């Protein structure tokens, strides 16, 4: 059993990660900006705390005493290219101070490559606002890539499709590298529940280090 702090625990991916980790017997700290909005997360195996993932002091305080961290954060009210790099810097600093060496980050499928050096978000026809949001995740990746120190991070990117919020957990997925994984035209949507499986698997059995990896059915 591990103790895991999950930043962005109140979001769709974060909530599934909390549930998945608890179901496997882990102790979880659910870190959110406003605990009053997410009081239902608290329970016997979940401690609810306030933390801003862009503030290193908050990260360090929330992460103290934990074995690993998950970042499933999302903000729609801030520029993506400012928010995600700021979160990456704060996570690197704060987790380092807390002595947490493993971080699993939720990425975005549109940042994966479709050919060498070309991300999906660079394709013609991608709406500008979607591309801008995806570029924020790319900027976050560059911050992690440039970091030294002891933090062993991995970014787990789901397929570039709308994820199914209500589909049940299958526990099955395949992983690749920094490229979009091929999928059948009739493939079912990938679920947040199975994304959570991949996240917690990377804590229990680390398979990737300091890279972005794609997951899909």
N, C-alpha and C. Protein backbone atom coordinates (compact mmCIF):
# COMPACT_ATOMS: atom_id res chain seq x y z
N UNK A 1 0.84 -1.20 0.00
CA UNK A 1 0.00 0.00 0.00
C UNK A 1 0.87 1.24 0.00
N UNK A 2 0.51 2.19 -0.82
CA UNK A 2 1.24 3.45 -0.91
C UNK A 2 0.34 4.60 -0.48
N UNK A 3 0.95 5.72 -0.20
CA UNK A 3 0.20 6.95 0.03
C UNK A 3 0.41 7.84 -1.20
N UNK A 4 -0.69 8.28 -1.79
CA UNK A 4 -0.65 9.01 -3.06
C UNK A 4 -1.39 10.33 -2.89
N UNK A 5 -0.74 11.42 -3.29
CA UNK A 5 -1.42 12.72 -3.33
C UNK A 5 -1.84 12.97 -4.76
N UNK A 6 -3.10 13.35 -4.94
CA UNK A 6 -3.66 13.56 -6.28
C UNK A 6 -4.09 15.01 -6.42
N UNK A 7 -3.38 15.76 -7.25
CA UNK A 7 -3.71 17.15 -7.52
C UNK A 7 -4.75 17.20 -8.63
N UNK A 8 -5.75 18.07 -8.47
CA UNK A 8 -6.86 18.10 -9.42
C UNK A 8 -7.83 16.96 -9.16
N UNK A 9 -7.94 16.56 -7.91
CA UNK A 9 -8.75 15.39 -7.56
C UNK A 9 -10.24 15.60 -7.77
N UNK A 10 -10.66 16.84 -7.94
CA UNK A 10 -12.09 17.09 -8.11
C UNK A 10 -12.57 17.02 -9.55
N UNK A 11 -11.65 16.87 -10.51
CA UNK A 11 -12.03 16.81 -11.91
C UNK A 11 -12.40 15.41 -12.35
N UNK A 12 -12.73 15.28 -13.63
CA UNK A 12 -13.19 13.99 -14.13
C UNK A 12 -12.09 12.93 -14.06
N UNK A 13 -10.89 13.28 -14.48
CA UNK A 13 -9.79 12.32 -14.39
C UNK A 13 -9.35 12.14 -12.94
N UNK A 14 -9.31 13.22 -12.18
CA UNK A 14 -8.86 13.14 -10.80
C UNK A 14 -9.76 12.28 -9.94
N UNK A 15 -11.06 12.43 -10.11
CA UNK A 15 -12.00 11.63 -9.32
C UNK A 15 -11.85 10.14 -9.62
N UNK A 16 -11.66 9.82 -10.90
CA UNK A 16 -11.46 8.40 -11.25
C UNK A 16 -10.15 7.89 -10.66
N UNK A 17 -9.13 8.74 -10.63
CA UNK A 17 -7.85 8.32 -10.06
C UNK A 17 -7.98 8.07 -8.56
N UNK A 18 -8.73 8.93 -7.88
CA UNK A 18 -8.96 8.72 -6.44
C UNK A 18 -9.65 7.38 -6.22
N UNK A 19 -10.73 7.14 -6.97
CA UNK A 19 -11.49 5.89 -6.80
C UNK A 19 -10.63 4.67 -7.11
N UNK A 20 -9.83 4.74 -8.16
CA UNK A 20 -8.98 3.61 -8.55
C UNK A 20 -7.93 3.33 -7.49
N UNK A 21 -7.30 4.37 -6.99
CA UNK A 21 -6.26 4.19 -5.98
C UNK A 21 -6.84 3.61 -4.69
N UNK A 22 -7.99 4.12 -4.27
CA UNK A 22 -8.62 3.62 -3.05
C UNK A 22 -9.04 2.17 -3.21
N UNK A 23 -9.53 1.81 -4.40
CA UNK A 23 -9.98 0.44 -4.63
C UNK A 23 -8.83 -0.56 -4.54
N UNK A 24 -7.61 -0.07 -4.70
CA UNK A 24 -6.43 -0.95 -4.61
C UNK A 24 -5.79 -0.90 -3.23
N UNK A 25 -6.40 -0.19 -2.31
CA UNK A 25 -5.91 -0.18 -0.94
C UNK A 25 -4.95 0.92 -0.60
N UNK A 26 -4.80 1.90 -1.48
CA UNK A 26 -3.87 3.01 -1.21
C UNK A 26 -4.54 4.07 -0.34
N UNK A 27 -3.73 4.77 0.42
CA UNK A 27 -4.19 5.95 1.13
C UNK A 27 -4.03 7.15 0.21
N UNK A 28 -5.07 7.97 0.09
CA UNK A 28 -5.08 9.06 -0.88
C UNK A 28 -5.29 10.40 -0.20
N UNK A 29 -4.52 11.38 -0.62
CA UNK A 29 -4.80 12.77 -0.29
C UNK A 29 -5.32 13.45 -1.54
N UNK A 30 -6.54 13.94 -1.50
CA UNK A 30 -7.17 14.61 -2.63
C UNK A 30 -6.92 16.11 -2.49
N UNK A 31 -6.09 16.64 -3.36
CA UNK A 31 -5.72 18.06 -3.30
C UNK A 31 -6.52 18.85 -4.33
N UNK A 32 -7.28 19.82 -3.86
CA UNK A 32 -8.13 20.63 -4.73
C UNK A 32 -8.01 22.09 -4.31
N UNK A 33 -8.37 23.01 -5.20
CA UNK A 33 -8.29 24.43 -4.86
C UNK A 33 -9.32 24.82 -3.81
N UNK A 34 -10.53 24.28 -3.91
CA UNK A 34 -11.61 24.65 -2.99
C UNK A 34 -12.27 23.39 -2.43
N UNK A 35 -11.82 22.93 -1.27
CA UNK A 35 -12.38 21.70 -0.70
C UNK A 35 -13.89 21.76 -0.48
N UNK A 36 -14.43 22.95 -0.29
CA UNK A 36 -15.87 23.06 -0.05
C UNK A 36 -16.68 22.55 -1.24
N UNK A 37 -16.12 22.66 -2.43
CA UNK A 37 -16.82 22.20 -3.64
C UNK A 37 -16.72 20.70 -3.84
N UNK A 38 -15.83 20.05 -3.10
CA UNK A 38 -15.58 18.63 -3.33
C UNK A 38 -15.61 17.83 -2.03
N UNK A 39 -16.48 18.24 -1.11
CA UNK A 39 -16.54 17.60 0.19
C UNK A 39 -16.85 16.11 0.10
N UNK A 40 -17.52 15.70 -0.98
CA UNK A 40 -17.89 14.29 -1.12
C UNK A 40 -16.68 13.39 -1.33
N UNK A 41 -15.53 13.96 -1.66
CA UNK A 41 -14.34 13.14 -1.87
C UNK A 41 -13.78 12.56 -0.57
N UNK A 42 -13.98 13.26 0.51
CA UNK A 42 -13.39 12.85 1.79
C UNK A 42 -14.01 11.53 2.26
N UNK A 43 -13.18 10.68 2.84
CA UNK A 43 -13.67 9.39 3.33
C UNK A 43 -12.62 8.72 4.18
N UNK A 44 -12.86 7.46 4.52
CA UNK A 44 -11.95 6.74 5.40
C UNK A 44 -10.53 6.67 4.83
N UNK A 45 -10.43 6.52 3.52
CA UNK A 45 -9.11 6.38 2.90
C UNK A 45 -8.70 7.61 2.10
N UNK A 46 -9.47 8.69 2.20
CA UNK A 46 -9.19 9.90 1.43
C UNK A 46 -9.20 11.11 2.35
N UNK A 47 -8.07 11.83 2.36
CA UNK A 47 -7.97 13.09 3.09
C UNK A 47 -8.07 14.23 2.09
N UNK A 48 -8.98 15.16 2.34
CA UNK A 48 -9.22 16.26 1.42
C UNK A 48 -8.46 17.50 1.92
N UNK A 49 -7.63 18.09 1.05
CA UNK A 49 -6.86 19.27 1.43
C UNK A 49 -6.94 20.33 0.33
N UNK A 50 -6.67 21.57 0.72
CA UNK A 50 -6.63 22.68 -0.23
C UNK A 50 -5.21 22.86 -0.73
N UNK A 51 -5.06 23.00 -2.04
CA UNK A 51 -3.74 23.24 -2.62
C UNK A 51 -3.89 23.82 -4.01
N UNK A 52 -3.06 24.82 -4.32
CA UNK A 52 -2.97 25.37 -5.67
C UNK A 52 -1.73 24.76 -6.30
N UNK A 53 -1.91 24.00 -7.37
CA UNK A 53 -0.80 23.25 -7.96
C UNK A 53 0.24 24.16 -8.60
N UNK A 54 -0.06 25.44 -8.76
CA UNK A 54 0.93 26.36 -9.30
C UNK A 54 1.75 27.03 -8.21
N UNK A 55 1.51 26.68 -6.97
CA UNK A 55 2.24 27.25 -5.83
C UNK A 55 3.08 26.14 -5.20
N UNK A 56 4.39 26.25 -5.31
CA UNK A 56 5.28 25.18 -4.84
C UNK A 56 5.11 24.90 -3.36
N UNK A 57 4.86 25.93 -2.56
CA UNK A 57 4.66 25.71 -1.12
C UNK A 57 3.43 24.85 -0.87
N UNK A 58 2.36 25.09 -1.64
CA UNK A 58 1.15 24.27 -1.50
C UNK A 58 1.43 22.82 -1.89
N UNK A 59 2.17 22.65 -2.98
CA UNK A 59 2.51 21.30 -3.43
C UNK A 59 3.32 20.58 -2.37
N UNK A 60 4.33 21.25 -1.84
CA UNK A 60 5.19 20.62 -0.84
C UNK A 60 4.41 20.24 0.41
N UNK A 61 3.52 21.11 0.85
CA UNK A 61 2.73 20.83 2.05
C UNK A 61 1.79 19.66 1.83
N UNK A 62 1.09 19.64 0.69
CA UNK A 62 0.13 18.57 0.40
C UNK A 62 0.84 17.23 0.20
N UNK A 63 2.06 17.26 -0.36
CA UNK A 63 2.75 16.03 -0.73
C UNK A 63 3.60 15.44 0.38
N UNK A 64 3.83 16.19 1.44
CA UNK A 64 4.70 15.72 2.52
C UNK A 64 4.23 14.37 3.06
N UNK A 65 5.15 13.43 3.16
CA UNK A 65 4.83 12.12 3.71
C UNK A 65 4.22 11.14 2.74
N UNK A 66 4.14 11.50 1.46
CA UNK A 66 3.54 10.61 0.47
C UNK A 66 4.61 9.89 -0.35
N UNK A 67 4.21 8.79 -0.93
CA UNK A 67 5.13 7.98 -1.74
C UNK A 67 5.15 8.42 -3.20
N UNK A 68 4.03 8.95 -3.70
CA UNK A 68 3.93 9.29 -5.12
C UNK A 68 2.83 10.33 -5.29
N UNK A 69 2.81 10.92 -6.49
CA UNK A 69 1.82 11.95 -6.80
C UNK A 69 1.24 11.73 -8.19
N UNK A 70 0.00 12.17 -8.34
CA UNK A 70 -0.68 12.22 -9.64
C UNK A 70 -1.12 13.66 -9.86
N UNK A 71 -0.93 14.17 -11.06
CA UNK A 71 -1.45 15.49 -11.42
C UNK A 71 -2.49 15.32 -12.51
N UNK A 72 -3.73 15.66 -12.17
CA UNK A 72 -4.84 15.58 -13.13
C UNK A 72 -5.52 16.94 -13.19
N UNK A 73 -4.71 18.00 -13.20
CA UNK A 73 -5.25 19.34 -13.05
C UNK A 73 -5.78 19.90 -14.36
N UNK A 74 -6.69 20.86 -14.22
CA UNK A 74 -7.31 21.50 -15.38
C UNK A 74 -7.82 22.86 -14.96
N UNK A 75 -7.55 23.87 -15.80
CA UNK A 75 -8.14 25.19 -15.59
C UNK A 75 -8.59 25.73 -16.94
N UNK A 76 -9.83 26.16 -17.02
CA UNK A 76 -10.34 26.75 -18.25
C UNK A 76 -10.30 28.27 -18.21
N UNK A 77 -10.05 28.82 -17.02
CA UNK A 77 -10.11 30.28 -16.84
C UNK A 77 -8.74 30.94 -16.93
N UNK A 78 -7.69 30.17 -17.19
CA UNK A 78 -6.34 30.71 -17.30
C UNK A 78 -5.73 30.28 -18.63
N UNK A 79 -4.84 31.09 -19.20
CA UNK A 79 -4.18 30.69 -20.45
C UNK A 79 -3.41 29.38 -20.26
N UNK A 80 -3.67 28.44 -21.13
CA UNK A 80 -3.07 27.12 -21.01
C UNK A 80 -1.55 27.17 -21.02
N UNK A 81 -1.00 28.04 -21.87
CA UNK A 81 0.46 28.10 -21.99
C UNK A 81 1.13 28.78 -20.81
N UNK A 82 0.32 29.35 -19.92
CA UNK A 82 0.86 29.87 -18.66
C UNK A 82 0.61 28.88 -17.52
N UNK A 83 -0.61 28.34 -17.51
CA UNK A 83 -1.00 27.49 -16.38
C UNK A 83 -0.21 26.19 -16.29
N UNK A 84 -0.14 25.44 -17.37
CA UNK A 84 0.49 24.13 -17.29
C UNK A 84 2.00 24.18 -17.04
N UNK A 85 2.75 25.09 -17.67
CA UNK A 85 4.16 25.20 -17.28
C UNK A 85 4.34 25.65 -15.83
N UNK A 86 3.47 26.56 -15.35
CA UNK A 86 3.56 26.99 -13.96
C UNK A 86 3.32 25.82 -13.02
N UNK A 87 2.35 24.98 -13.36
CA UNK A 87 2.09 23.79 -12.54
C UNK A 87 3.29 22.85 -12.56
N UNK A 88 3.90 22.67 -13.71
CA UNK A 88 5.06 21.78 -13.82
C UNK A 88 6.20 22.29 -12.94
N UNK A 89 6.49 23.58 -13.01
CA UNK A 89 7.56 24.14 -12.19
C UNK A 89 7.28 23.95 -10.70
N UNK A 90 6.02 24.21 -10.30
CA UNK A 90 5.67 24.07 -8.89
C UNK A 90 5.71 22.62 -8.43
N UNK A 91 5.30 21.71 -9.28
CA UNK A 91 5.35 20.28 -8.94
C UNK A 91 6.80 19.82 -8.78
N UNK A 92 7.66 20.21 -9.70
CA UNK A 92 9.07 19.82 -9.60
C UNK A 92 9.68 20.33 -8.30
N UNK A 93 9.43 21.59 -8.00
CA UNK A 93 9.98 22.22 -6.79
C UNK A 93 9.35 21.61 -5.53
N UNK A 94 8.01 21.62 -5.48
CA UNK A 94 7.31 21.18 -4.27
C UNK A 94 7.50 19.71 -3.96
N UNK A 95 7.41 18.86 -4.98
CA UNK A 95 7.60 17.43 -4.74
C UNK A 95 9.04 17.14 -4.34
N UNK A 96 9.98 17.90 -4.89
CA UNK A 96 11.37 17.74 -4.49
C UNK A 96 11.56 18.05 -3.02
N UNK A 97 10.94 19.13 -2.56
CA UNK A 97 11.05 19.49 -1.14
C UNK A 97 10.36 18.47 -0.25
N UNK A 98 9.29 17.87 -0.76
CA UNK A 98 8.54 16.88 0.04
C UNK A 98 9.18 15.50 0.00
N UNK A 99 10.17 15.31 -0.87
CA UNK A 99 10.81 14.01 -0.98
C UNK A 99 10.01 12.98 -1.74
N UNK A 100 9.10 13.45 -2.60
CA UNK A 100 8.29 12.55 -3.43
C UNK A 100 8.98 12.39 -4.78
N UNK A 101 9.34 11.17 -5.13
CA UNK A 101 10.18 10.95 -6.31
C UNK A 101 9.41 10.51 -7.55
N UNK A 102 8.15 10.13 -7.41
CA UNK A 102 7.39 9.62 -8.57
C UNK A 102 6.17 10.49 -8.82
N UNK A 103 6.03 10.97 -10.06
CA UNK A 103 4.89 11.79 -10.46
C UNK A 103 4.32 11.26 -11.77
N UNK A 104 3.01 11.03 -11.78
CA UNK A 104 2.29 10.62 -12.98
C UNK A 104 1.33 11.75 -13.36
N UNK A 105 1.43 12.22 -14.58
CA UNK A 105 0.69 13.39 -15.04
C UNK A 105 -0.29 13.00 -16.14
N UNK A 106 -1.50 13.53 -16.08
CA UNK A 106 -2.47 13.33 -17.16
C UNK A 106 -2.13 14.29 -18.29
N UNK A 107 -1.88 13.74 -19.47
CA UNK A 107 -1.58 14.55 -20.64
C UNK A 107 -2.79 14.70 -21.54
N UNK A 108 -2.54 15.04 -22.80
CA UNK A 108 -3.63 15.23 -23.76
C UNK A 108 -3.22 14.59 -25.08
N UNK A 109 -4.17 13.89 -25.70
CA UNK A 109 -3.86 13.13 -26.90
C UNK A 109 -3.46 13.97 -28.09
N UNK A 110 -3.95 15.21 -28.17
CA UNK A 110 -3.64 16.05 -29.32
C UNK A 110 -2.19 16.51 -29.34
N UNK A 111 -1.47 16.33 -28.23
CA UNK A 111 -0.05 16.69 -28.18
C UNK A 111 0.84 15.54 -28.66
N UNK A 112 0.24 14.38 -28.88
CA UNK A 112 1.01 13.24 -29.39
C UNK A 112 1.35 13.46 -30.87
N UNK A 113 2.41 12.83 -31.33
CA UNK A 113 2.86 13.01 -32.71
C UNK A 113 2.11 12.07 -33.67
N UNK A 114 1.86 12.58 -34.86
CA UNK A 114 1.29 11.76 -35.93
C UNK A 114 2.36 11.40 -36.96
N UNK A 115 3.45 12.15 -36.95
CA UNK A 115 4.64 11.84 -37.73
C UNK A 115 5.80 12.55 -37.03
N UNK A 116 7.04 12.18 -37.36
CA UNK A 116 8.16 12.74 -36.61
C UNK A 116 8.14 14.27 -36.56
N UNK A 117 8.09 14.80 -35.35
CA UNK A 117 8.13 16.24 -35.16
C UNK A 117 6.83 16.97 -35.40
N UNK A 118 5.76 16.25 -35.71
CA UNK A 118 4.46 16.88 -36.00
C UNK A 118 3.41 16.35 -35.04
N UNK A 119 2.92 17.23 -34.18
CA UNK A 119 1.88 16.84 -33.24
C UNK A 119 0.51 16.88 -33.91
N UNK A 120 -0.43 16.14 -33.37
CA UNK A 120 -1.78 16.13 -33.93
C UNK A 120 -2.37 17.54 -33.95
N UNK A 121 -2.06 18.36 -32.94
CA UNK A 121 -2.65 19.70 -32.89
C UNK A 121 -2.11 20.62 -33.99
N UNK A 122 -1.09 20.17 -34.73
CA UNK A 122 -0.57 20.96 -35.85
C UNK A 122 -1.26 20.65 -37.17
N UNK A 123 -2.19 19.71 -37.15
CA UNK A 123 -2.93 19.36 -38.36
C UNK A 123 -3.85 20.50 -38.79
N UNK A 124 -4.03 20.69 -40.11
CA UNK A 124 -5.00 21.68 -40.58
C UNK A 124 -6.40 21.33 -40.08
N UNK A 125 -7.14 22.33 -39.74
CA UNK A 125 -8.52 22.11 -39.31
C UNK A 125 -8.71 22.00 -37.82
N UNK A 126 -7.62 21.93 -37.06
CA UNK A 126 -7.76 21.89 -35.61
C UNK A 126 -8.18 23.27 -35.13
N UNK A 127 -9.28 23.39 -34.42
CA UNK A 127 -9.74 24.70 -33.95
C UNK A 127 -8.65 25.42 -33.16
N UNK A 128 -8.47 26.72 -33.39
CA UNK A 128 -7.39 27.46 -32.72
C UNK A 128 -7.40 27.32 -31.19
N UNK A 129 -8.61 27.34 -30.60
CA UNK A 129 -8.68 27.24 -29.13
C UNK A 129 -8.23 25.86 -28.66
N UNK A 130 -8.52 24.82 -29.44
CA UNK A 130 -8.08 23.47 -29.07
C UNK A 130 -6.56 23.36 -29.21
N UNK A 131 -6.03 23.95 -30.27
CA UNK A 131 -4.58 23.91 -30.47
C UNK A 131 -3.88 24.67 -29.35
N UNK A 132 -4.42 25.81 -28.97
CA UNK A 132 -3.81 26.60 -27.91
C UNK A 132 -3.78 25.83 -26.60
N UNK A 133 -4.88 25.16 -26.28
CA UNK A 133 -4.92 24.37 -25.05
C UNK A 133 -3.90 23.25 -25.10
N UNK A 134 -3.79 22.59 -26.25
CA UNK A 134 -2.84 21.49 -26.40
C UNK A 134 -1.40 21.99 -26.31
N UNK A 135 -1.14 23.18 -26.84
CA UNK A 135 0.21 23.75 -26.75
C UNK A 135 0.61 24.02 -25.31
N UNK A 136 -0.36 24.28 -24.45
CA UNK A 136 -0.06 24.41 -23.03
C UNK A 136 0.49 23.13 -22.45
N UNK A 137 -0.09 22.01 -22.86
CA UNK A 137 0.42 20.71 -22.41
C UNK A 137 1.81 20.44 -22.98
N UNK A 138 2.05 20.86 -24.21
CA UNK A 138 3.38 20.70 -24.79
C UNK A 138 4.41 21.52 -24.04
N UNK A 139 4.03 22.74 -23.65
CA UNK A 139 4.93 23.58 -22.86
C UNK A 139 5.22 22.95 -21.49
N UNK A 140 4.20 22.31 -20.92
CA UNK A 140 4.39 21.60 -19.66
C UNK A 140 5.40 20.46 -19.84
N UNK A 141 5.26 19.71 -20.92
CA UNK A 141 6.19 18.62 -21.20
C UNK A 141 7.62 19.13 -21.31
N UNK A 142 7.80 20.28 -21.95
CA UNK A 142 9.15 20.82 -22.11
C UNK A 142 9.76 21.21 -20.76
N UNK A 143 8.94 21.69 -19.84
CA UNK A 143 9.44 22.00 -18.50
C UNK A 143 9.93 20.73 -17.82
N UNK A 144 9.14 19.68 -17.90
CA UNK A 144 9.56 18.42 -17.29
C UNK A 144 10.82 17.88 -17.95
N UNK A 145 10.87 17.95 -19.27
CA UNK A 145 12.05 17.44 -19.99
C UNK A 145 13.32 18.18 -19.59
N UNK A 146 13.19 19.46 -19.30
CA UNK A 146 14.36 20.28 -18.97
C UNK A 146 14.77 20.15 -17.51
N UNK A 147 13.94 19.49 -16.72
CA UNK A 147 14.22 19.40 -15.28
C UNK A 147 15.28 18.35 -15.00
N UNK A 148 16.07 18.64 -14.00
CA UNK A 148 17.01 17.64 -13.51
C UNK A 148 16.48 17.08 -12.20
N UNK A 149 17.35 16.80 -11.30
CA UNK A 149 16.92 16.38 -9.98
C UNK A 149 16.44 14.96 -9.92
N UNK A 150 15.72 14.65 -8.86
CA UNK A 150 15.36 13.28 -8.54
C UNK A 150 13.97 12.88 -9.02
N UNK A 151 13.18 13.83 -9.53
CA UNK A 151 11.79 13.52 -9.85
C UNK A 151 11.70 12.60 -11.07
N UNK A 152 11.07 11.46 -10.86
CA UNK A 152 10.83 10.48 -11.93
C UNK A 152 9.39 10.67 -12.40
N UNK A 153 9.23 11.37 -13.52
CA UNK A 153 7.90 11.73 -13.99
C UNK A 153 7.53 10.95 -15.26
N UNK A 154 6.25 10.84 -15.49
CA UNK A 154 5.74 10.31 -16.75
C UNK A 154 4.43 11.01 -17.05
N UNK A 155 4.20 11.36 -18.31
CA UNK A 155 2.94 11.94 -18.75
C UNK A 155 2.18 10.88 -19.52
N UNK A 156 0.97 10.58 -19.07
CA UNK A 156 0.13 9.57 -19.69
C UNK A 156 -0.95 10.28 -20.51
N UNK A 157 -0.88 10.12 -21.82
CA UNK A 157 -1.80 10.82 -22.73
C UNK A 157 -2.86 9.87 -23.26
N UNK A 158 -4.13 10.12 -22.98
CA UNK A 158 -5.20 9.28 -23.55
C UNK A 158 -5.35 9.57 -25.03
N UNK A 159 -6.12 8.77 -25.76
CA UNK A 159 -6.29 9.01 -27.20
C UNK A 159 -6.96 10.36 -27.46
N UNK A 160 -6.70 10.94 -28.63
CA UNK A 160 -7.26 12.26 -28.95
C UNK A 160 -8.72 12.19 -29.39
N UNK A 161 -9.54 11.69 -28.50
CA UNK A 161 -10.99 11.61 -28.70
C UNK A 161 -11.64 12.05 -27.40
N UNK A 162 -12.93 12.34 -27.45
CA UNK A 162 -13.64 12.65 -26.22
C UNK A 162 -13.69 11.40 -25.35
N UNK A 163 -13.24 11.53 -24.11
CA UNK A 163 -13.25 10.38 -23.21
C UNK A 163 -14.65 10.17 -22.65
N UNK A 164 -14.98 8.91 -22.41
CA UNK A 164 -16.29 8.55 -21.90
C UNK A 164 -16.29 8.69 -20.38
N UNK A 165 -17.13 9.60 -19.91
CA UNK A 165 -17.18 9.88 -18.47
C UNK A 165 -17.95 8.82 -17.70
N UNK A 166 -18.80 8.08 -18.39
CA UNK A 166 -19.71 7.17 -17.68
C UNK A 166 -19.42 5.69 -17.92
N UNK A 167 -18.55 5.39 -18.88
CA UNK A 167 -18.27 3.98 -19.18
C UNK A 167 -17.61 3.30 -17.98
N UNK A 168 -17.94 2.04 -17.80
CA UNK A 168 -17.38 1.30 -16.68
C UNK A 168 -15.92 0.95 -16.93
N UNK A 169 -15.24 0.69 -15.88
CA UNK A 169 -13.83 0.30 -15.92
C UNK A 169 -13.70 -1.09 -16.53
N UNK A 170 -12.82 -1.23 -17.53
CA UNK A 170 -12.51 -2.56 -18.06
C UNK A 170 -11.18 -3.06 -17.51
N UNK A 171 -10.32 -2.13 -17.11
CA UNK A 171 -9.00 -2.51 -16.61
C UNK A 171 -8.03 -2.87 -17.72
N UNK A 172 -8.44 -2.67 -18.96
CA UNK A 172 -7.61 -3.06 -20.10
C UNK A 172 -7.22 -1.83 -20.92
N UNK A 173 -5.97 -1.77 -21.30
CA UNK A 173 -5.48 -0.71 -22.17
C UNK A 173 -4.14 -1.15 -22.72
N UNK A 174 -3.70 -0.48 -23.77
CA UNK A 174 -2.35 -0.70 -24.29
C UNK A 174 -1.62 0.63 -24.26
N UNK A 175 -0.32 0.57 -24.15
CA UNK A 175 0.46 1.80 -24.11
C UNK A 175 1.48 1.80 -25.22
N UNK A 176 1.89 2.99 -25.62
CA UNK A 176 2.86 3.13 -26.70
C UNK A 176 3.97 4.07 -26.31
N UNK A 177 4.26 5.02 -27.20
CA UNK A 177 5.28 6.01 -26.91
C UNK A 177 4.67 7.39 -27.11
N UNK A 178 5.41 8.33 -27.68
CA UNK A 178 4.94 9.70 -27.83
C UNK A 178 4.08 9.90 -29.08
N UNK A 179 3.74 8.81 -29.76
CA UNK A 179 2.94 8.90 -30.98
C UNK A 179 1.51 8.43 -30.73
N UNK A 180 0.59 8.98 -31.53
CA UNK A 180 -0.81 8.55 -31.45
C UNK A 180 -0.88 7.07 -31.79
N UNK A 181 -1.55 6.32 -30.94
CA UNK A 181 -1.73 4.89 -31.21
C UNK A 181 -2.83 4.70 -32.26
N UNK A 182 -2.62 3.82 -33.23
CA UNK A 182 -3.69 3.56 -34.20
C UNK A 182 -4.90 2.95 -33.51
N UNK A 183 -6.08 3.34 -33.96
CA UNK A 183 -7.30 2.76 -33.39
C UNK A 183 -8.30 2.50 -34.51
N UNK A 184 -9.09 1.47 -34.35
CA UNK A 184 -10.09 1.11 -35.35
C UNK A 184 -11.17 2.19 -35.43
N UNK A 185 -11.77 2.33 -36.61
CA UNK A 185 -12.81 3.34 -36.79
C UNK A 185 -14.00 3.10 -35.89
N UNK A 186 -14.28 1.83 -35.58
CA UNK A 186 -15.43 1.52 -34.74
C UNK A 186 -15.03 1.31 -33.27
N UNK A 187 -13.82 1.75 -32.91
CA UNK A 187 -13.36 1.58 -31.53
C UNK A 187 -14.24 2.37 -30.57
N UNK A 188 -14.49 1.81 -29.43
CA UNK A 188 -15.28 2.49 -28.42
C UNK A 188 -14.47 3.63 -27.80
N UNK A 189 -15.17 4.65 -27.30
CA UNK A 189 -14.44 5.74 -26.64
C UNK A 189 -13.62 5.20 -25.46
N UNK A 190 -12.48 5.80 -25.25
CA UNK A 190 -11.65 5.46 -24.10
C UNK A 190 -12.28 6.11 -22.87
N UNK A 191 -12.27 5.42 -21.75
CA UNK A 191 -12.96 5.92 -20.57
C UNK A 191 -12.01 6.56 -19.56
N UNK A 192 -12.54 7.50 -18.80
CA UNK A 192 -11.78 8.07 -17.70
C UNK A 192 -11.40 6.99 -16.68
N UNK A 193 -12.28 6.01 -16.52
CA UNK A 193 -12.01 4.94 -15.56
C UNK A 193 -10.78 4.14 -15.96
N UNK A 194 -10.63 3.86 -17.25
CA UNK A 194 -9.45 3.11 -17.69
C UNK A 194 -8.21 3.99 -17.75
N UNK A 195 -8.38 5.28 -17.98
CA UNK A 195 -7.24 6.19 -17.84
C UNK A 195 -6.71 6.15 -16.41
N UNK A 196 -7.62 6.10 -15.44
CA UNK A 196 -7.20 6.02 -14.04
C UNK A 196 -6.44 4.74 -13.76
N UNK A 197 -6.83 3.65 -14.41
CA UNK A 197 -6.09 2.38 -14.25
C UNK A 197 -4.64 2.57 -14.69
N UNK A 198 -4.46 3.20 -15.85
CA UNK A 198 -3.11 3.43 -16.37
C UNK A 198 -2.30 4.32 -15.43
N UNK A 199 -2.95 5.33 -14.86
CA UNK A 199 -2.24 6.24 -13.95
C UNK A 199 -1.73 5.50 -12.72
N UNK A 200 -2.60 4.74 -12.08
CA UNK A 200 -2.21 4.05 -10.86
C UNK A 200 -1.24 2.91 -11.15
N UNK A 201 -1.39 2.27 -12.30
CA UNK A 201 -0.42 1.24 -12.70
C UNK A 201 0.99 1.82 -12.76
N UNK A 202 1.12 3.06 -13.24
CA UNK A 202 2.44 3.68 -13.36
C UNK A 202 3.04 4.03 -12.00
N UNK A 203 2.22 4.03 -10.98
CA UNK A 203 2.74 4.21 -9.62
C UNK A 203 3.10 2.87 -9.02
N UNK A 204 2.21 1.90 -9.19
CA UNK A 204 2.46 0.58 -8.61
C UNK A 204 3.59 -0.17 -9.32
N UNK A 205 3.61 -0.05 -10.64
CA UNK A 205 4.61 -0.76 -11.44
C UNK A 205 5.15 0.18 -12.51
N UNK A 206 6.03 1.09 -12.13
CA UNK A 206 6.53 2.09 -13.09
C UNK A 206 7.12 1.43 -14.34
N UNK A 207 6.56 1.79 -15.49
CA UNK A 207 7.01 1.21 -16.75
C UNK A 207 7.69 2.24 -17.65
N UNK A 208 7.49 3.51 -17.36
CA UNK A 208 8.05 4.58 -18.18
C UNK A 208 8.66 5.65 -17.28
N UNK A 209 9.69 6.30 -17.78
CA UNK A 209 10.38 7.30 -16.98
C UNK A 209 10.77 8.50 -17.83
N UNK A 210 10.34 9.68 -17.39
CA UNK A 210 10.71 10.96 -17.99
C UNK A 210 10.34 11.03 -19.47
N UNK A 211 9.15 10.54 -19.80
CA UNK A 211 8.64 10.57 -21.17
C UNK A 211 7.13 10.79 -21.15
N UNK A 212 6.58 11.13 -22.31
CA UNK A 212 5.12 11.11 -22.52
C UNK A 212 4.77 9.85 -23.26
N UNK A 213 3.74 9.15 -22.79
CA UNK A 213 3.33 7.90 -23.42
C UNK A 213 1.83 7.95 -23.74
N UNK A 214 1.46 7.33 -24.84
CA UNK A 214 0.06 7.23 -25.23
C UNK A 214 -0.56 5.97 -24.66
N UNK A 215 -1.83 6.07 -24.29
CA UNK A 215 -2.59 4.87 -23.90
C UNK A 215 -3.90 4.86 -24.70
N UNK A 216 -4.41 3.67 -24.94
CA UNK A 216 -5.66 3.50 -25.68
C UNK A 216 -6.11 2.06 -25.46
N UNK A 217 -7.30 1.75 -25.92
CA UNK A 217 -7.79 0.37 -25.85
C UNK A 217 -6.98 -0.51 -26.78
